[in-house]
Amino acid sequence: NQPITAEAFAELCRSSGLRRPIDDLARIQRMLDNANLLLTAWDGD
């Protein structure tokens, strides 16, 4: 549950090949705001 930005989410989707509405950052933000479990992996920052 480490908060991430819609921009970071969209960029990782782009890099990974995951198809999500990455050009609609408001929608991405709703997706992040309303999920109740977010596990993240980090290499440094």
All heavy atoms as atom14 arrays in JSON, in Angstrom:
{
  "sequence": "NQPITAEAFAELCRSSGLRRPIDDLARIQRMLDNANLLLTAWDGD",
  "atom14_mask": [
    [1, 1, 1, 1, 1, 1, 1, 1, 0, 0, 0, 0, 0, 0],
    [1, 1, 1, 1, 1, 1, 1, 1, 1, 0, 0, 0, 0, 0],
    [1, 1, 1, 1, 1, 1, 1, 0, 0, 0, 0, 0, 0, 0],
    [1, 1, 1, 1, 1, 1, 1, 1, 0, 0, 0, 0, 0, 0],
    [1, 1, 1, 1, 1, 1, 1, 0, 0, 0, 0, 0, 0, 0],
    [1, 1, 1, 1, 1, 0, 0, 0, 0, 0, 0, 0, 0, 0],
    [1, 1, 1, 1, 1, 1, 1, 1, 1, 0, 0, 0, 0, 0],
    [1, 1, 1, 1, 1, 0, 0, 0, 0, 0, 0, 0, 0, 0],
    [1, 1, 1, 1, 1, 1, 1, 1, 1, 1, 1, 0, 0, 0],
    [1, 1, 1, 1, 1, 0, 0, 0, 0, 0, 0, 0, 0, 0],
    [1, 1, 1, 1, 1, 1, 1, 1, 1, 0, 0, 0, 0, 0],
    [1, 1, 1, 1, 1, 1, 1, 1, 0, 0, 0, 0, 0, 0],
    [1, 1, 1, 1, 1, 1, 0, 0, 0, 0, 0, 0, 0, 0],
    [1, 1, 1, 1, 1, 1, 1, 1, 1, 1, 1, 0, 0, 0],
    [1, 1, 1, 1, 1, 1, 0, 0, 0, 0, 0, 0, 0, 0],
    [1, 1, 1, 1, 1, 1, 0, 0, 0, 0, 0, 0, 0, 0],
    [1, 1, 1, 1, 0, 0, 0, 0, 0, 0, 0, 0, 0, 0],
    [1, 1, 1, 1, 1, 1, 1, 1, 0, 0, 0, 0, 0, 0],
    [1, 1, 1, 1, 1, 1, 1, 1, 1, 1, 1, 0, 0, 0],
    [1, 1, 1, 1, 1, 1, 1, 1, 1, 1, 1, 0, 0, 0],
    [1, 1, 1, 1, 1, 1, 1, 0, 0, 0, 0, 0, 0, 0],
    [1, 1, 1, 1, 1, 1, 1, 1, 0, 0, 0, 0, 0, 0],
    [1, 1, 1, 1, 1, 1, 1, 1, 0, 0, 0, 0, 0, 0],
    [1, 1, 1, 1, 1, 1, 1, 1, 0, 0, 0, 0, 0, 0],
    [1, 1, 1, 1, 1, 1, 1, 1, 0, 0, 0, 0, 0, 0],
    [1, 1, 1, 1, 1, 0, 0, 0, 0, 0, 0, 0, 0, 0],
    [1, 1, 1, 1, 1, 1, 1, 1, 1, 1, 1, 0, 0, 0],
    [1, 1, 1, 1, 1, 1, 1, 1, 0, 0, 0, 0, 0, 0],
    [1, 1, 1, 1, 1, 1, 1, 1, 1, 0, 0, 0, 0, 0],
    [1, 1, 1, 1, 1, 1, 1, 1, 1, 1, 1, 0, 0, 0],
    [1, 1, 1, 1, 1, 1, 1, 1, 0, 0, 0, 0, 0, 0],
    [1, 1, 1, 1, 1, 1, 1, 1, 0, 0, 0, 0, 0, 0],
    [1, 1, 1, 1, 1, 1, 1, 1, 0, 0, 0, 0, 0, 0],
    [1, 1, 1, 1, 1, 1, 1, 1, 0, 0, 0, 0, 0, 0],
    [1, 1, 1, 1, 1, 0, 0, 0, 0, 0, 0, 0, 0, 0],
    [1, 1, 1, 1, 1, 1, 1, 1, 0, 0, 0, 0, 0, 0],
    [1, 1, 1, 1, 1, 1, 1, 1, 0, 0, 0, 0, 0, 0],
    [1, 1, 1, 1, 1, 1, 1, 1, 0, 0, 0, 0, 0, 0],
    [1, 1, 1, 1, 1, 1, 1, 1, 0, 0, 0, 0, 0, 0],
    [1, 1, 1, 1, 1, 1, 1, 0, 0, 0, 0, 0, 0, 0],
    [1, 1, 1, 1, 1, 0, 0, 0, 0, 0, 0, 0, 0, 0],
    [1, 1, 1, 1, 1, 1, 1, 1, 1, 1, 1, 1, 1, 1],
    [1, 1, 1, 1, 1, 1, 1, 1, 0, 0, 0, 0, 0, 0],
    [1, 1, 1, 1, 0, 0, 0, 0, 0, 0, 0, 0, 0, 0],
    [1, 1, 1, 1, 1, 1, 1, 1, 0, 0, 0, 0, 0, 0]
  ],
  "atom14_positions": [
    [[0.81, -1.23, 0.0], [0.0, 0.0, 0.0], [0.84, 1.28, 0.0], [0.43, 2.3, 0.53], [-1.01, -0.01, 1.15], [-2.07, -1.07, 0.93], [-2.45, -1.36, -0.2], [-2.54, -1.66, 2.0], [0.0, 0.0, 0.0], [0.0, 0.0, 0.0], [0.0, 0.0, 0.0], [0.0, 0.0, 0.0], [0.0, 0.0, 0.0], [0.0, 0.0, 0.0]],
    [[1.99, 1.21, -0.65], [2.81, 2.41, -0.89], [2.14, 3.2, -2.01], [1.96, 2.68, -3.1], [4.22, 1.99, -1.33], [5.07, 3.1, -1.88], [5.74, 3.88, -0.79], [6.1, 3.32, 0.22], [5.91, 5.17, -1.0], [0.0, 0.0, 0.0], [0.0, 0.0, 0.0], [0.0, 0.0, 0.0], [0.0, 0.0, 0.0], [0.0, 0.0, 0.0]],
    [[1.72, 4.43, -1.75], [1.07, 5.21, -2.81], [1.99, 5.4, -4.02], [3.2, 5.59, -3.86], [0.78, 6.55, -2.15], [0.8, 6.29, -0.68], [1.81, 5.18, -0.49], [0.0, 0.0, 0.0], [0.0, 0.0, 0.0], [0.0, 0.0, 0.0], [0.0, 0.0, 0.0], [0.0, 0.0, 0.0], [0.0, 0.0, 0.0], [0.0, 0.0, 0.0]],
    [[1.4, 5.29, -5.19], [2.12, 5.61, -6.43], [1.26, 6.57, -7.23], [0.04, 6.64, -7.04], [2.46, 4.34, -7.26], [1.19, 3.59, -7.69], [3.4, 3.43, -6.49], [1.45, 2.43, -8.63], [0.0, 0.0, 0.0], [0.0, 0.0, 0.0], [0.0, 0.0, 0.0], [0.0, 0.0, 0.0], [0.0, 0.0, 0.0], [0.0, 0.0, 0.0]],
    [[1.88, 7.28, -8.13], [1.15, 8.24, -8.94], [0.53, 7.56, -10.16], [0.99, 6.48, -10.58], [2.06, 9.37, -9.43], [3.05, 8.81, -10.31], [2.74, 10.09, -8.26], [0.0, 0.0, 0.0], [0.0, 0.0, 0.0], [0.0, 0.0, 0.0], [0.0, 0.0, 0.0], [0.0, 0.0, 0.0], [0.0, 0.0, 0.0], [0.0, 0.0, 0.0]],
    [[-0.48, 8.21, -10.71], [-1.08, 7.71, -11.95], [-0.02, 7.66, -13.06], [-0.02, 6.74, -13.87], [-2.26, 8.58, -12.35], [0.0, 0.0, 0.0], [0.0, 0.0, 0.0], [0.0, 0.0, 0.0], [0.0, 0.0, 0.0], [0.0, 0.0, 0.0], [0.0, 0.0, 0.0], [0.0, 0.0, 0.0], [0.0, 0.0, 0.0], [0.0, 0.0, 0.0]],
    [[0.86, 8.64, -13.06], [1.92, 8.67, -14.09], [2.86, 7.47, -13.94], [3.24, 6.86, -14.95], [2.72, 9.99, -13.98], [1.93, 11.22, -14.36], [1.08, 11.8, -13.23], [1.12, 11.28, -12.09], [0.35, 12.77, -13.49], [0.0, 0.0, 0.0], [0.0, 0.0, 0.0], [0.0, 0.0, 0.0], [0.0, 0.0, 0.0], [0.0, 0.0, 0.0]],
    [[3.24, 7.13, -12.71], [4.12, 5.98, -12.49], [3.43, 4.68, -12.89], [4.04, 3.8, -13.49], [4.57, 5.93, -11.03], [0.0, 0.0, 0.0], [0.0, 0.0, 0.0], [0.0, 0.0, 0.0], [0.0, 0.0, 0.0], [0.0, 0.0, 0.0], [0.0, 0.0, 0.0], [0.0, 0.0, 0.0], [0.0, 0.0, 0.0], [0.0, 0.0, 0.0]],
    [[2.14, 4.57, -12.56], [1.36, 3.4, -12.93], [1.33, 3.27, -14.46], [1.58, 2.2, -15.01], [-0.06, 3.54, -12.37], [-0.97, 2.38, -12.64], [-1.17, 1.4, -11.68], [-1.66, 2.27, -13.84], [-2.03, 0.34, -11.92], [-2.52, 1.22, -14.09], [-2.71, 0.24, -13.12], [0.0, 0.0, 0.0], [0.0, 0.0, 0.0], [0.0, 0.0, 0.0]],
    [[1.0, 4.37, -15.14], [0.9, 4.36, -16.6], [2.24, 4.02, -17.25], [2.29, 3.24, -18.2], [0.39, 5.71, -17.09], [0.0, 0.0, 0.0], [0.0, 0.0, 0.0], [0.0, 0.0, 0.0], [0.0, 0.0, 0.0], [0.0, 0.0, 0.0], [0.0, 0.0, 0.0], [0.0, 0.0, 0.0], [0.0, 0.0, 0.0], [0.0, 0.0, 0.0]],
    [[3.31, 4.57, -16.71], [4.63, 4.31, -17.29], [5.01, 2.84, -17.13], [5.56, 2.23, -18.04], [5.67, 5.22, -16.62], [6.97, 5.36, -17.38], [7.91, 4.2, -17.14], [7.98, 3.7, -16.01], [8.59, 3.78, -18.11], [0.0, 0.0, 0.0], [0.0, 0.0, 0.0], [0.0, 0.0, 0.0], [0.0, 0.0, 0.0], [0.0, 0.0, 0.0]],
    [[4.69, 2.25, -15.98], [5.0, 0.84, -15.78], [4.12, -0.04, -16.68], [4.6, -1.03, -17.24], [4.83, 0.44, -14.31], [5.17, -1.01, -13.99], [6.55, -1.42, -14.48], [5.06, -1.25, -12.5], [0.0, 0.0, 0.0], [0.0, 0.0, 0.0], [0.0, 0.0, 0.0], [0.0, 0.0, 0.0], [0.0, 0.0, 0.0], [0.0, 0.0, 0.0]],
    [[2.87, 0.33, -16.85], [2.01, -0.4, -17.8], [2.63, -0.37, -19.2], [2.69, -1.39, -19.88], [0.61, 0.2, -17.84], [-0.38, -0.12, -16.37], [0.0, 0.0, 0.0], [0.0, 0.0, 0.0], [0.0, 0.0, 0.0], [0.0, 0.0, 0.0], [0.0, 0.0, 0.0], [0.0, 0.0, 0.0], [0.0, 0.0, 0.0], [0.0, 0.0, 0.0]],
    [[3.06, 0.8, -19.6], [3.68, 0.96, -20.92], [4.91, 0.06, -21.05], [5.08, -0.65, -22.03], [4.07, 2.43, -21.12], [4.39, 2.83, -22.54], [4.61, 4.35, -22.67], [3.37, 5.08, -22.49], [3.1, 5.86, -21.43], [3.97, 6.03, -20.47], [1.95, 6.51, -21.35], [0.0, 0.0, 0.0], [0.0, 0.0, 0.0], [0.0, 0.0, 0.0]],
    [[5.77, 0.06, -20.04], [7.0, -0.72, -20.07], [6.73, -2.23, -20.05], [7.44, -2.98, -20.7], [7.88, -0.35, -18.87], [8.94, -1.26, -18.74], [0.0, 0.0, 0.0], [0.0, 0.0, 0.0], [0.0, 0.0, 0.0], [0.0, 0.0, 0.0], [0.0, 0.0, 0.0], [0.0, 0.0, 0.0], [0.0, 0.0, 0.0], [0.0, 0.0, 0.0]],
    [[5.72, -2.63, -19.29], [5.46, -4.06, -19.12], [4.64, -4.66, -20.25], [4.61, -5.87, -20.42], [4.73, -4.3, -17.8], [3.42, -3.8, -17.88], [0.0, 0.0, 0.0], [0.0, 0.0, 0.0], [0.0, 0.0, 0.0], [0.0, 0.0, 0.0], [0.0, 0.0, 0.0], [0.0, 0.0, 0.0], [0.0, 0.0, 0.0], [0.0, 0.0, 0.0]],
    [[3.92, -3.81, -20.97], [3.02, -4.31, -22.0], [1.59, -4.51, -21.51], [0.74, -4.95, -22.27], [0.0, 0.0, 0.0], [0.0, 0.0, 0.0], [0.0, 0.0, 0.0], [0.0, 0.0, 0.0], [0.0, 0.0, 0.0], [0.0, 0.0, 0.0], [0.0, 0.0, 0.0], [0.0, 0.0, 0.0], [0.0, 0.0, 0.0], [0.0, 0.0, 0.0]],
    [[1.33, -4.17, -20.23], [-0.02, -4.3, -19.7], [-0.92, -3.25, -20.33], [-0.63, -2.07, -20.28], [-0.01, -4.13, -18.17], [-1.34, -4.29, -17.46], [-1.87, -5.72, -17.59], [-1.2, -3.93, -15.98], [0.0, 0.0, 0.0], [0.0, 0.0, 0.0], [0.0, 0.0, 0.0], [0.0, 0.0, 0.0], [0.0, 0.0, 0.0], [0.0, 0.0, 0.0]],
    [[-2.0, -3.71, -20.94], [-2.92, -2.79, -21.62], [-3.91, -2.21, -20.63], [-4.77, -2.92, -20.11], [-3.64, -3.53, -22.74], [-2.73, -3.96, -23.86], [-3.5, -4.61, -25.01], [-4.39, -5.66, -24.58], [-4.13, -6.96, -24.66], [-3.0, -7.37, -25.16], [-5.01, -7.85, -24.25], [0.0, 0.0, 0.0], [0.0, 0.0, 0.0], [0.0, 0.0, 0.0]],
    [[-3.78, -0.94, -20.37], [-4.68, -0.19, -19.5], [-4.89, 1.18, -20.13], [-4.14, 1.57, -21.03], [-4.1, -0.03, -18.09], [-4.0, -1.34, -17.29], [-5.39, -1.92, -17.05], [-5.37, -3.17, -16.3], [-5.37, -4.37, -16.86], [-5.34, -4.51, -18.18], [-5.39, -5.46, -16.11], [0.0, 0.0, 0.0], [0.0, 0.0, 0.0], [0.0, 0.0, 0.0]],
    [[-5.89, 1.94, -19.7], [-6.17, 3.26, -20.31], [-5.13, 4.31, -19.88], [-5.45, 5.28, -19.19], [-7.57, 3.58, -19.79], [-7.63, 2.88, -18.47], [-6.85, 1.61, -18.65], [0.0, 0.0, 0.0], [0.0, 0.0, 0.0], [0.0, 0.0, 0.0], [0.0, 0.0, 0.0], [0.0, 0.0, 0.0], [0.0, 0.0, 0.0], [0.0, 0.0, 0.0]],
    [[-3.89, 4.12, -20.29], [-2.78, 4.92, -19.77], [-2.79, 6.38, -20.22], [-2.08, 7.19, -19.64], [-1.41, 4.27, -20.11], [-1.24, 4.1, -21.61], [-1.29, 2.93, -19.39], [0.12, 3.56, -22.02], [0.0, 0.0, 0.0], [0.0, 0.0, 0.0], [0.0, 0.0, 0.0], [0.0, 0.0, 0.0], [0.0, 0.0, 0.0], [0.0, 0.0, 0.0]],
    [[-3.59, 6.7, -21.21], [-3.7, 8.1, -21.62], [-4.79, 8.85, -20.88], [-4.98, 10.04, -21.08], [-3.94, 8.18, -23.14], [-2.74, 7.66, -23.91], [-1.6, 7.88, -23.46], [-2.94, 7.02, -24.96], [0.0, 0.0, 0.0], [0.0, 0.0, 0.0], [0.0, 0.0, 0.0], [0.0, 0.0, 0.0], [0.0, 0.0, 0.0], [0.0, 0.0, 0.0]],
    [[-5.51, 8.15, -20.0], [-6.56, 8.75, -19.19], [-6.12, 8.71, -17.73], [-6.52, 7.83, -16.97], [-7.87, 7.99, -19.42], [-9.06, 8.62, -18.72], [-8.87, 9.53, -17.88], [-10.2, 8.19, -19.02], [0.0, 0.0, 0.0], [0.0, 0.0, 0.0], [0.0, 0.0, 0.0], [0.0, 0.0, 0.0], [0.0, 0.0, 0.0], [0.0, 0.0, 0.0]],
    [[-5.28, 9.66, -17.34], [-4.7, 9.64, -16.0], [-5.74, 9.81, -14.9], [-5.56, 9.28, -13.8], [-3.59, 10.68, -15.88], [-2.34, 10.4, -16.73], [-1.32, 11.5, -16.53], [-1.75, 9.03, -16.42], [0.0, 0.0, 0.0], [0.0, 0.0, 0.0], [0.0, 0.0, 0.0], [0.0, 0.0, 0.0], [0.0, 0.0, 0.0], [0.0, 0.0, 0.0]],
    [[-6.83, 10.51, -15.17], [-7.89, 10.64, -14.17], [-8.51, 9.26, -13.89], [-8.8, 8.93, -12.73], [-8.95, 11.63, -14.64], [0.0, 0.0, 0.0], [0.0, 0.0, 0.0], [0.0, 0.0, 0.0], [0.0, 0.0, 0.0], [0.0, 0.0, 0.0], [0.0, 0.0, 0.0], [0.0, 0.0, 0.0], [0.0, 0.0, 0.0], [0.0, 0.0, 0.0]],
    [[-8.7, 8.47, -14.92], [-9.25, 7.12, -14.74], [-8.25, 6.23, -14.0], [-8.63, 5.47, -13.1], [-9.61, 6.53, -16.11], [-10.3, 5.19, -16.03], [-10.75, 4.76, -17.39], [-11.4, 3.46, -17.37], [-11.74, 2.79, -18.45], [-11.51, 3.29, -19.66], [-12.31, 1.61, -18.35], [0.0, 0.0, 0.0], [0.0, 0.0, 0.0], [0.0, 0.0, 0.0]],
    [[-6.98, 6.33, -14.38], [-5.93, 5.58, -13.68], [-5.93, 5.95, -12.2], [-5.83, 5.08, -11.32], [-4.54, 5.83, -14.3], [-4.47, 5.29, -15.73], [-3.42, 5.27, -13.42], [-4.46, 3.79, -15.85], [0.0, 0.0, 0.0], [0.0, 0.0, 0.0], [0.0, 0.0, 0.0], [0.0, 0.0, 0.0], [0.0, 0.0, 0.0], [0.0, 0.0, 0.0]],
    [[-6.07, 7.23, -11.89], [-6.07, 7.67, -10.5], [-7.26, 7.07, -9.74], [-7.11, 6.64, -8.59], [-6.1, 9.2, -10.4], [-5.84, 9.71, -8.99], [-4.47, 9.29, -8.48], [-3.45, 9.63, -9.09], [-4.43, 8.58, -7.36], [0.0, 0.0, 0.0], [0.0, 0.0, 0.0], [0.0, 0.0, 0.0], [0.0, 0.0, 0.0], [0.0, 0.0, 0.0]],
    [[-8.43, 6.99, -10.38], [-9.59, 6.34, -9.74], [-9.3, 4.87, -9.48], [-9.67, 4.32, -8.43], [-10.85, 6.48, -10.6], [-11.45, 7.87, -10.6], [-12.87, 7.9, -11.19], [-13.03, 7.22, -12.48], [-12.8, 7.78, -13.67], [-12.37, 9.03, -13.75], [-13.02, 7.09, -14.77], [0.0, 0.0, 0.0], [0.0, 0.0, 0.0], [0.0, 0.0, 0.0]],
    [[-8.64, 4.22, -10.43], [-8.28, 2.82, -10.26], [-7.37, 2.64, -9.05], [-7.56, 1.7, -8.26], [-7.59, 2.3, -11.53], [-8.51, 2.2, -12.74], [-7.64, 2.04, -14.33], [-6.64, 0.57, -14.09], [0.0, 0.0, 0.0], [0.0, 0.0, 0.0], [0.0, 0.0, 0.0], [0.0, 0.0, 0.0], [0.0, 0.0, 0.0], [0.0, 0.0, 0.0]],
    [[-6.42, 3.53, -8.89], [-5.51, 3.46, -7.74], [-6.22, 3.8, -6.44], [-6.03, 3.14, -5.42], [-4.32, 4.39, -7.95], [-3.33, 3.97, -9.04], [-2.37, 5.1, -9.35], [-2.59, 2.71, -8.62], [0.0, 0.0, 0.0], [0.0, 0.0, 0.0], [0.0, 0.0, 0.0], [0.0, 0.0, 0.0], [0.0, 0.0, 0.0], [0.0, 0.0, 0.0]],
    [[-7.03, 4.84, -6.47], [-7.71, 5.31, -5.25], [-8.68, 4.28, -4.69], [-8.9, 4.23, -3.47], [-8.47, 6.61, -5.51], [-7.57, 7.8, -5.73], [-6.36, 7.72, -5.43], [-8.09, 8.83, -6.23], [0.0, 0.0, 0.0], [0.0, 0.0, 0.0], [0.0, 0.0, 0.0], [0.0, 0.0, 0.0], [0.0, 0.0, 0.0], [0.0, 0.0, 0.0]],
    [[-9.28, 3.48, -5.54], [-10.34, 2.59, -5.1], [-9.93, 1.13, -4.94], [-10.75, 0.31, -4.5], [-11.55, 2.73, -6.02], [-12.17, 4.1, -5.86], [-12.68, 4.43, -4.8], [-12.08, 4.93, -6.89], [0.0, 0.0, 0.0], [0.0, 0.0, 0.0], [0.0, 0.0, 0.0], [0.0, 0.0, 0.0], [0.0, 0.0, 0.0], [0.0, 0.0, 0.0]],
    [[-8.71, 0.8, -5.27], [-8.2, -0.53, -4.97], [-7.83, -0.54, -3.48], [-7.41, 0.48, -2.94], [-6.97, -0.85, -5.82], [0.0, 0.0, 0.0], [0.0, 0.0, 0.0], [0.0, 0.0, 0.0], [0.0, 0.0, 0.0], [0.0, 0.0, 0.0], [0.0, 0.0, 0.0], [0.0, 0.0, 0.0], [0.0, 0.0, 0.0], [0.0, 0.0, 0.0]],
    [[-8.01, -1.67, -2.82], [-7.68, -1.67, -1.4], [-6.47, -2.52, -1.05], [-6.15, -2.69, 0.13], [-8.9, -2.06, -0.55], [-9.41, -3.45, -0.83], [-9.04, -4.09, -1.8], [-10.29, -3.92, 0.04], [0.0, 0.0, 0.0], [0.0, 0.0, 0.0], [0.0, 0.0, 0.0], [0.0, 0.0, 0.0], [0.0, 0.0, 0.0], [0.0, 0.0, 0.0]],
    [[-5.75, -3.0, -2.06], [-4.49, -3.7, -1.8], [-3.56, -3.45, -2.98], [-3.88, -3.81, -4.11], [-4.72, -5.2, -1.59], [-3.48, -6.04, -1.3], [-2.74, -5.53, -0.06], [-3.85, -7.5, -1.14], [0.0, 0.0, 0.0], [0.0, 0.0, 0.0], [0.0, 0.0, 0.0], [0.0, 0.0, 0.0], [0.0, 0.0, 0.0], [0.0, 0.0, 0.0]],
    [[-2.43, -2.84, -2.7], [-1.43, -2.57, -3.73], [-0.08, -3.04, -3.23], [0.44, -2.53, -2.24], [-1.38, -1.07, -4.05], [-0.35, -0.64, -5.09], [-0.7, -1.2, -6.47], [-0.26, 0.88, -5.15], [0.0, 0.0, 0.0], [0.0, 0.0, 0.0], [0.0, 0.0, 0.0], [0.0, 0.0, 0.0], [0.0, 0.0, 0.0], [0.0, 0.0, 0.0]],
    [[0.46, -4.06, -3.88], [1.8, -4.54, -3.59], [2.71, -4.01, -4.68], [2.37, -4.12, -5.87], [1.85, -6.07, -3.59], [1.37, -6.81, -2.36], [2.37, -6.79, -1.26], [0.01, -6.47, -1.91], [0.0, 0.0, 0.0], [0.0, 0.0, 0.0], [0.0, 0.0, 0.0], [0.0, 0.0, 0.0], [0.0, 0.0, 0.0], [0.0, 0.0, 0.0]],
    [[3.83, -3.43, -4.3], [4.75, -2.88, -5.29], [6.15, -3.44, -5.1], [6.52, -3.85, -4.0], [4.8, -1.33, -5.2], [5.09, -0.95, -3.85], [3.49, -0.71, -5.65], [0.0, 0.0, 0.0], [0.0, 0.0, 0.0], [0.0, 0.0, 0.0], [0.0, 0.0, 0.0], [0.0, 0.0, 0.0], [0.0, 0.0, 0.0], [0.0, 0.0, 0.0]],
    [[6.92, -3.43, -6.19], [8.31, -3.85, -6.17], [9.15, -2.68, -6.66], [8.79, -2.01, -7.63], [8.52, -5.06, -7.08], [0.0, 0.0, 0.0], [0.0, 0.0, 0.0], [0.0, 0.0, 0.0], [0.0, 0.0, 0.0], [0.0, 0.0, 0.0], [0.0, 0.0, 0.0], [0.0, 0.0, 0.0], [0.0, 0.0, 0.0], [0.0, 0.0, 0.0]],
    [[10.25, -2.44, -5.99], [11.11, -1.28, -6.25], [12.57, -1.71, -6.38], [13.03, -2.56, -5.62], [11.0, -0.27, -5.11], [9.61, 0.21, -4.87], [8.62, -0.41, -4.16], [9.04, 1.44, -5.35], [7.47, 0.35, -4.18], [7.71, 1.49, -4.89], [9.55, 2.49, -6.1], [6.86, 2.55, -5.17], [8.71, 3.55, -6.39], [7.38, 3.58, -5.93]],
    [[13.27, -1.11, -7.31], [14.72, -1.22, -7.41], [15.23, 0.19, -7.11], [15.2, 1.06, -7.99], [15.14, -1.68, -8.79], [16.64, -1.97, -8.89], [17.36, -1.78, -7.88], [17.09, -2.38, -9.97], [0.0, 0.0, 0.0], [0.0, 0.0, 0.0], [0.0, 0.0, 0.0], [0.0, 0.0, 0.0], [0.0, 0.0, 0.0], [0.0, 0.0, 0.0]],
    [[15.6, 0.45, -5.87], [15.91, 1.8, -5.44], [14.65, 2.64, -5.49], [13.64, 2.28, -4.91], [0.0, 0.0, 0.0], [0.0, 0.0, 0.0], [0.0, 0.0, 0.0], [0.0, 0.0, 0.0], [0.0, 0.0, 0.0], [0.0, 0.0, 0.0], [0.0, 0.0, 0.0], [0.0, 0.0, 0.0], [0.0, 0.0, 0.0], [0.0, 0.0, 0.0]],
    [[14.69, 3.74, -6.23], [13.53, 4.62, -6.37], [12.68, 4.29, -7.59], [11.71, 4.98, -7.87], [13.98, 6.08, -6.47], [14.55, 6.59, -5.17], [14.18, 6.05, -4.1], [15.38, 7.52, -5.2], [0.0, 0.0, 0.0], [0.0, 0.0, 0.0], [0.0, 0.0, 0.0], [0.0, 0.0, 0.0], [0.0, 0.0, 0.0], [0.0, 0.0, 0.0]]
  ]
}
